[in-house]
Amino acid sequence: MSGYRLWFLLHATTLNEAFSVANSTMDEWFRDGILAEGDKGYILETDGNQMPGCGADDPERFMKTLNEAQRMRISTHRATVISTEAYLKKAGLKNGFADVGKLPLADAMDTDDRNDVEMAGWSLARLGRLVNRAAVPYAGLFNVETHNAGIDPEEMKEISKHPEEWALIPVVVG
């Protein structure tokens, strides 16, 4: 698996506290099987121009980075919808998502015809994990407090009221 970059959103008022929580979360991802043996996971102390940040240090920069991370998550979701539609059509479903109920089981097919159907199934599973906010390496943003990928509008509203209680830590996993 190639590496995915994402942000861990967590309650913390100092970088030391944030790094500690992020490291514990990474350990949980390995223990819970989100990351497998052989995968790598590490905390970035710098992410190009994007540094780890605590809202307590710079609330405006923190909120800007949080909004960018959420936009990245939405962009990943949209790209996955588009690629899933393409895989479905390549698997012979002319109407894409409208025909998903017609997707055959790969093991019921000749070996030569399986690959497109298997890729369509893989992409549907990937899309499902994004839609249901599962903890996955490619989510873009993971809310450590709720154990969900991304943040909903109510969560964003609450975080924006008290950004000084939150931190964002960039990580690479996979």
Protein backbone atom coordinates (compact mmCIF):
# COMPACT_ATOMS: atom_id res chain seq x y z
CA MET A 1 0.00 0.00 0.00
CA SER A 2 1.35 3.42 -0.83
CA GLY A 3 1.26 6.11 1.81
CA TYR A 4 -1.76 8.29 2.43
CA ARG A 5 -1.53 11.70 4.01
CA LEU A 6 -4.24 12.72 6.41
CA TRP A 7 -4.87 14.90 9.45
CA PHE A 8 -5.75 13.70 12.93
CA LEU A 9 -8.13 16.15 14.62
CA LEU A 10 -7.95 15.86 18.39
CA HIS A 11 -8.52 17.59 21.71
CA ALA A 12 -5.21 19.11 22.80
CA THR A 13 -3.93 22.51 23.81
CA THR A 14 -0.21 21.87 23.33
CA LEU A 15 1.78 20.17 20.57
CA ASN A 16 3.33 17.72 23.04
CA GLU A 17 -0.13 16.61 24.13
CA ALA A 18 -1.30 16.46 20.49
CA PHE A 19 1.69 14.33 19.40
CA SER A 20 1.08 11.96 22.33
CA VAL A 21 -2.60 11.49 21.38
CA ALA A 22 -1.69 11.10 17.68
CA ASN A 23 0.89 8.42 18.49
CA SER A 24 -1.66 6.56 20.64
CA THR A 25 -4.18 6.77 17.81
CA MET A 26 -1.63 5.36 15.37
CA ASP A 27 -1.01 2.46 17.79
CA GLU A 28 -4.79 1.85 17.93
CA TRP A 29 -5.00 1.76 14.13
CA PHE A 30 -2.41 -1.04 14.08
CA ARG A 31 -4.03 -2.90 16.98
CA ASP A 32 -7.52 -2.63 15.45
CA GLY A 33 -6.40 -3.76 11.98
CA ILE A 34 -7.02 -0.45 10.22
CA LEU A 35 -3.35 -0.67 9.35
CA ALA A 36 -1.85 -4.09 8.75
CA GLU A 37 1.48 -5.61 9.65
CA GLY A 38 3.98 -4.27 7.15
CA ASP A 39 2.18 -0.95 6.80
CA LYS A 40 3.87 2.14 8.06
CA GLY A 41 2.43 4.98 10.07
CA TYR A 42 4.19 8.05 11.23
CA ILE A 43 3.50 11.51 12.54
CA LEU A 44 4.82 14.44 10.54
CA GLU A 45 6.41 17.27 12.44
CA THR A 46 6.08 19.34 9.29
CA ASP A 47 3.96 18.85 6.20
CA GLY A 48 5.55 21.25 3.72
CA ASN A 49 3.93 24.58 4.49
CA GLN A 50 1.35 22.91 6.74
CA MET A 51 2.72 22.48 10.23
CA PRO A 52 0.98 20.62 13.02
CA GLY A 53 -1.09 23.15 14.82
CA CYS A 54 -2.96 23.83 17.99
CA GLY A 55 -5.87 26.20 17.95
CA ALA A 56 -4.51 27.57 21.22
CA ASP A 57 -1.41 28.83 19.37
CA ASP A 58 -3.11 30.30 16.29
CA PRO A 59 -6.90 29.83 16.11
CA GLU A 60 -7.22 31.44 12.67
CA ARG A 61 -4.53 29.26 11.08
CA PHE A 62 -5.95 26.20 12.81
CA MET A 63 -9.45 26.81 11.39
CA LYS A 64 -8.02 27.49 7.94
CA THR A 65 -6.10 24.20 8.00
CA LEU A 66 -9.14 22.33 9.33
CA ASN A 67 -11.31 23.67 6.51
CA GLU A 68 -8.63 22.71 3.96
CA ALA A 69 -8.46 19.19 5.41
CA GLN A 70 -12.25 18.85 5.17
CA ARG A 71 -12.15 20.08 1.55
CA MET A 72 -9.46 17.48 0.81
CA ARG A 73 -11.74 14.79 2.28
CA ILE A 74 -14.67 15.96 0.13
CA SER A 75 -12.42 16.00 -2.95
CA THR A 76 -11.33 12.41 -2.22
CA HIS A 77 -14.98 11.39 -1.90
CA ARG A 78 -15.90 13.00 -5.23
CA ALA A 79 -12.94 11.40 -7.01
CA THR A 80 -13.92 8.02 -5.58
CA VAL A 81 -17.51 8.44 -6.82
CA ILE A 82 -16.21 9.20 -10.31
CA SER A 83 -13.76 6.29 -10.36
CA THR A 84 -16.38 3.89 -8.98
CA GLU A 85 -18.80 4.90 -11.73
CA ALA A 86 -16.07 4.26 -14.31
CA TYR A 87 -15.29 0.82 -12.84
CA LEU A 88 -18.98 -0.09 -12.88
CA LYS A 89 -19.27 0.86 -16.54
CA LYS A 90 -16.08 -1.01 -17.40
CA ALA A 91 -17.62 -4.06 -15.69
CA GLY A 92 -20.49 -3.87 -18.18
CA LEU A 93 -23.03 -1.84 -16.22
CA LYS A 94 -23.92 0.80 -18.82
CA ASN A 95 -25.92 2.88 -16.35
CA GLY A 96 -23.25 2.77 -13.65
CA PHE A 97 -24.70 3.16 -10.17
CA ALA A 98 -28.26 2.69 -11.48
CA ASP A 99 -27.30 -0.88 -12.47
CA VAL A 100 -25.30 -1.79 -9.37
CA GLY A 101 -27.84 -4.47 -8.43
CA LYS A 102 -26.85 -6.31 -11.62
CA LEU A 103 -23.20 -6.59 -10.63
CA PRO A 104 -22.39 -10.32 -10.67
CA LEU A 105 -20.27 -12.17 -8.15
CA ALA A 106 -16.72 -12.36 -9.44
CA ASP A 107 -16.43 -16.04 -8.54
CA ALA A 108 -19.39 -16.82 -10.82
CA MET A 109 -17.46 -15.56 -13.83
CA ASP A 110 -14.76 -16.88 -16.11
CA THR A 111 -11.30 -15.94 -14.93
CA ASP A 112 -10.70 -13.67 -17.92
CA ASP A 113 -13.79 -11.55 -17.13
CA ARG A 114 -13.31 -11.20 -13.38
CA ASN A 115 -10.91 -8.30 -13.07
CA ASP A 116 -13.33 -5.51 -14.04
CA VAL A 117 -16.03 -6.85 -11.72
CA GLU A 118 -13.56 -7.26 -8.85
CA MET A 119 -12.31 -3.69 -9.34
CA ALA A 120 -15.90 -2.40 -9.35
CA GLY A 121 -16.55 -4.25 -6.08
CA TRP A 122 -13.33 -2.96 -4.53
CA SER A 123 -14.22 0.61 -5.50
CA LEU A 124 -17.77 0.27 -4.14
CA ALA A 125 -16.36 -0.96 -0.81
CA ARG A 126 -13.89 1.93 -0.71
CA LEU A 127 -16.68 4.42 -1.44
CA GLY A 128 -18.86 2.85 1.26
CA ARG A 129 -16.12 3.30 3.86
CA LEU A 130 -15.79 6.98 2.91
CA VAL A 131 -19.55 7.56 3.00
CA ASN A 132 -19.99 5.99 6.44
CA ARG A 133 -17.02 7.95 7.87
CA ALA A 134 -14.99 4.83 8.64
CA ALA A 135 -11.47 5.08 9.98
CA VAL A 136 -9.48 4.48 6.81
CA PRO A 137 -6.04 5.72 5.75
CA TYR A 138 -7.39 7.52 2.67
CA ALA A 139 -10.04 9.54 4.55
CA GLY A 140 -8.05 12.79 4.53
CA LEU A 141 -9.27 13.83 7.97
CA PHE A 142 -9.91 11.68 11.03
CA ASN A 143 -11.62 13.00 14.15
CA VAL A 144 -9.90 11.14 16.97
CA GLU A 145 -12.57 12.24 19.46
CA THR A 146 -15.54 10.77 17.57
CA HIS A 147 -13.59 7.97 15.85
CA ASN A 148 -15.06 9.12 12.54
CA ALA A 149 -13.51 10.37 9.35
CA GLY A 150 -14.32 13.98 8.60
CA ILE A 151 -16.48 16.33 10.59
CA ASP A 152 -20.13 17.15 10.14
CA PRO A 153 -21.50 20.72 10.13
CA GLU A 154 -22.51 20.56 13.81
CA GLU A 155 -19.05 19.38 14.82
CA MET A 156 -17.46 22.13 12.73
CA LYS A 157 -19.69 24.69 14.44
CA GLU A 158 -18.68 23.45 17.90
CA ILE A 159 -14.98 23.34 17.01
CA SER A 160 -15.09 26.88 15.59
CA LYS A 161 -16.51 28.14 18.92
CA HIS A 162 -13.47 26.81 20.82
CA PRO A 163 -10.57 26.19 18.42
CA GLU A 164 -8.16 26.66 21.32
CA GLU A 165 -9.21 23.22 22.59
CA TRP A 166 -8.23 21.41 19.38
CA ALA A 167 -5.16 20.40 17.38
CA LEU A 168 -4.41 19.02 13.92
CA ILE A 169 -1.54 16.61 13.40
CA PRO A 170 -0.47 15.53 9.89
CA VAL A 171 0.27 11.82 9.49
CA VAL A 172 1.28 9.42 6.74
CA VAL A 173 -0.09 5.90 6.87
CA GLY A 174 0.01 2.87 4.64
